[in-house]
Amino acid sequence: MINIDNFPVELRWKIAAQSASSLLLTHEKVYKDILGPDYKKIQPLMDTINYISWIQDGKNASILSKYLGLPAKTAEEIEKTNELISEILYGPEIKYKIVYTVGDHAKSQIISCPFLNRAKEIGLESKTLFENCNAYHETFVSNLNPKYTKKFTKAMCNGDEYCETCIELKNSFTE
């Protein structure tokens, strides 16, 4: 009898990660397909539901980070924890590059995004993806360490070559 052990761990992880990165996108696609032009009537509601779902995912990711005992005292630790949790949750398809870390400031780039890839695969426009992803990251960081915040300064789903984010102490954010 075939069971989970018949499949390589890397393949299982890839499938699970692709499923996880599509969950927040597929229900929108289903409603758009079913309702057609009438989707516009419920789009503000769906946008709000999506936004709240991404915020909850950010909270869940911070809870998982704390459960795993990952560091979160400095901007650099928070960024490295964010990268690790993202890879755990969304697989190796998400790729980060730390640009620099100085004191209470960290700048990084996301150079490969599974959410943008899934949106393209299922034919969704990515116009709300930026707001949702930004909400996820802000929520993740503020729940992980309330002294810090994270902001995007560039975003692939808005046409940039890569996403760029900055983590800083709250009330000191500069772009």
Protein backbone atom coordinates (compact mmCIF):
# COMPACT_ATOMS: atom_id res chain seq x y z
CA MET A 1 0.00 0.00 0.00
CA ILE A 2 1.27 3.48 -0.87
CA ASN A 3 1.71 5.87 2.05
CA ILE A 4 3.34 9.23 2.70
CA ASP A 5 6.77 7.64 3.11
CA ASN A 6 6.72 6.62 -0.57
CA PHE A 7 7.21 10.29 -1.49
CA PRO A 8 10.46 12.19 -0.86
CA VAL A 9 10.38 14.75 1.95
CA GLU A 10 11.35 17.55 -0.45
CA LEU A 11 8.39 16.76 -2.71
CA ARG A 12 5.99 16.68 0.26
CA TRP A 13 7.32 20.02 1.47
CA LYS A 14 7.01 21.56 -1.99
CA ILE A 15 3.40 20.40 -2.35
CA ALA A 16 2.45 21.56 1.15
CA ALA A 17 4.11 24.94 0.65
CA GLN A 18 2.42 25.50 -2.72
CA SER A 19 -0.92 24.60 -1.17
CA ALA A 20 -0.33 26.99 1.72
CA SER A 21 0.60 29.86 -0.57
CA SER A 22 -2.51 29.34 -2.70
CA LEU A 23 -5.03 29.12 0.15
CA LEU A 24 -5.43 32.87 0.55
CA LEU A 25 -5.90 33.31 -3.20
CA THR A 26 -8.04 30.44 -4.48
CA HIS A 27 -11.34 31.37 -2.85
CA GLU A 28 -11.21 34.74 -4.60
CA LYS A 29 -10.65 32.98 -7.92
CA VAL A 30 -13.56 30.59 -7.26
CA TYR A 31 -15.96 33.43 -6.46
CA LYS A 32 -14.84 35.38 -9.52
CA ASP A 33 -15.37 32.33 -11.74
CA ILE A 34 -18.81 31.55 -10.28
CA LEU A 35 -20.15 35.10 -10.14
CA GLY A 36 -18.50 36.55 -13.21
CA PRO A 37 -19.23 40.29 -13.51
CA ASP A 38 -21.47 40.14 -10.41
CA TYR A 39 -18.31 39.60 -8.35
CA LYS A 40 -17.86 43.38 -8.35
CA LYS A 41 -20.87 43.57 -6.00
CA ILE A 42 -19.09 41.60 -3.28
CA GLN A 43 -15.51 42.60 -4.07
CA PRO A 44 -15.21 45.13 -1.19
CA LEU A 45 -16.39 42.44 1.22
CA MET A 46 -14.00 39.87 -0.24
CA ASP A 47 -11.11 42.35 -0.12
CA THR A 48 -11.83 42.93 3.58
CA ILE A 49 -12.06 39.20 4.31
CA ASN A 50 -8.76 38.60 2.48
CA TYR A 51 -7.07 41.44 4.36
CA ILE A 52 -8.23 40.11 7.74
CA SER A 53 -7.09 36.60 6.77
CA TRP A 54 -3.58 37.85 5.97
CA ILE A 55 -3.45 39.70 9.30
CA GLN A 56 -4.41 36.50 11.11
CA ASP A 57 -1.71 34.60 9.22
CA GLY A 58 0.82 37.19 10.42
CA LYS A 59 -0.32 36.61 14.01
CA ASN A 60 -0.10 32.85 13.54
CA ALA A 61 3.42 33.12 12.10
CA SER A 62 4.56 35.18 15.10
CA ILE A 63 3.03 32.62 17.47
CA LEU A 64 4.89 29.83 15.67
CA SER A 65 8.13 31.83 15.85
CA LYS A 66 7.75 32.24 19.60
CA TYR A 67 6.83 28.56 20.02
CA LEU A 68 10.00 27.59 18.17
CA GLY A 69 12.03 29.94 20.37
CA LEU A 70 13.32 32.00 17.44
CA PRO A 71 15.16 35.24 18.30
CA ALA A 72 13.39 38.60 17.97
CA LYS A 73 15.25 41.19 20.04
CA THR A 74 16.92 43.16 17.23
CA ALA A 75 15.96 44.17 13.71
CA GLU A 76 18.45 41.64 12.34
CA GLU A 77 17.05 38.82 14.49
CA ILE A 78 13.50 39.70 13.48
CA GLU A 79 14.43 39.68 9.80
CA LYS A 80 16.23 36.35 10.04
CA THR A 81 13.30 34.88 11.99
CA ASN A 82 10.91 36.21 9.34
CA GLU A 83 12.95 34.56 6.60
CA LEU A 84 13.07 31.22 8.42
CA ILE A 85 9.36 31.18 9.29
CA SER A 86 8.46 32.16 5.73
CA GLU A 87 10.49 29.27 4.37
CA ILE A 88 8.98 26.85 6.90
CA LEU A 89 5.44 27.96 6.04
CA TYR A 90 5.76 28.66 2.31
CA GLY A 91 8.71 26.53 1.26
CA PRO A 92 11.98 27.20 -0.50
CA GLU A 93 10.20 29.09 -3.28
CA ILE A 94 10.30 32.22 -1.12
CA LYS A 95 13.76 33.71 -1.32
CA TYR A 96 15.14 36.58 0.74
CA LYS A 97 18.37 38.52 0.60
CA ILE A 98 19.47 40.70 3.51
CA VAL A 99 20.78 43.96 2.08
CA TYR A 100 22.14 45.25 5.40
CA THR A 101 21.56 45.39 9.13
CA VAL A 102 22.74 48.35 11.18
CA GLY A 103 21.71 48.80 14.79
CA ASP A 104 17.93 48.87 15.01
CA HIS A 105 17.45 48.82 11.22
CA ALA A 106 17.40 45.94 8.74
CA LYS A 107 16.76 46.10 5.01
CA SER A 108 16.07 43.00 2.94
CA GLN A 109 14.77 41.98 -0.44
CA ILE A 110 12.33 39.26 -1.41
CA ILE A 111 13.52 38.04 -4.79
CA SER A 112 11.07 35.15 -5.24
CA CYS A 113 7.49 35.14 -3.94
CA PRO A 114 5.20 32.08 -3.92
CA PHE A 115 2.09 34.25 -3.50
CA LEU A 116 2.85 36.25 -6.62
CA ASN A 117 3.65 32.99 -8.44
CA ARG A 118 0.33 31.41 -7.36
CA ALA A 119 -1.61 34.55 -8.36
CA LYS A 120 -0.07 34.39 -11.83
CA GLU A 121 -0.71 30.64 -12.11
CA ILE A 122 -4.42 30.95 -11.30
CA GLY A 123 -4.88 34.13 -13.32
CA LEU A 124 -5.49 36.63 -10.53
CA GLU A 125 -4.48 40.25 -10.71
CA SER A 126 -2.12 41.06 -7.90
CA LYS A 127 -3.44 44.54 -7.07
CA THR A 128 -4.58 43.67 -3.52
CA LEU A 129 -1.68 41.31 -2.91
CA PHE A 130 0.58 44.18 -1.86
CA GLU A 131 -1.79 45.55 0.79
CA ASN A 132 -2.42 42.06 2.15
CA CYS A 133 1.25 41.04 2.23
CA ASN A 134 2.20 44.34 3.85
CA ALA A 135 -0.48 43.77 6.53
CA TYR A 136 0.86 40.23 7.11
CA HIS A 137 4.43 41.46 7.61
CA GLU A 138 3.46 44.43 9.81
CA THR A 139 1.33 42.15 11.98
CA PHE A 140 4.02 39.46 12.15
CA VAL A 141 6.71 41.91 13.27
CA SER A 142 4.56 43.88 15.73
CA ASN A 143 3.33 40.66 17.36
CA LEU A 144 6.83 39.18 17.45
CA ASN A 145 8.37 42.32 18.98
CA PRO A 146 6.02 45.27 19.59
CA LYS A 147 8.95 47.72 19.60
CA TYR A 148 9.50 47.18 15.85
CA THR A 149 7.65 47.71 12.61
CA LYS A 150 8.19 46.52 9.04
CA LYS A 151 7.36 48.42 5.87
CA PHE A 152 7.69 47.68 2.17
CA THR A 153 9.53 50.21 0.04
CA LYS A 154 9.29 48.17 -3.18
CA ALA A 155 6.99 45.34 -4.28
CA MET A 156 7.11 42.87 -7.17
CA CYS A 157 3.31 42.77 -7.31
CA ASN A 158 3.41 46.51 -7.98
CA GLY A 159 5.86 46.02 -10.84
CA ASP A 160 9.20 46.33 -9.05
CA GLU A 161 12.03 43.89 -9.79
CA TYR A 162 11.99 42.68 -6.16
CA CYS A 163 10.28 43.47 -2.88
CA GLU A 164 12.27 45.57 -0.46
CA THR A 165 11.42 45.80 3.22
CA CYS A 166 12.75 47.72 6.19
CA ILE A 167 12.45 46.76 9.84
CA GLU A 168 12.98 49.56 12.35
CA LEU A 169 12.07 50.61 15.82
CA LYS A 170 8.60 52.15 15.82
CA ASN A 171 8.55 55.94 15.53
CA SER A 172 11.89 55.92 13.69
CA PHE A 173 10.85 54.59 10.28
CA THR A 174 12.66 56.15 7.35
CA GLU A 175 12.64 55.05 3.72
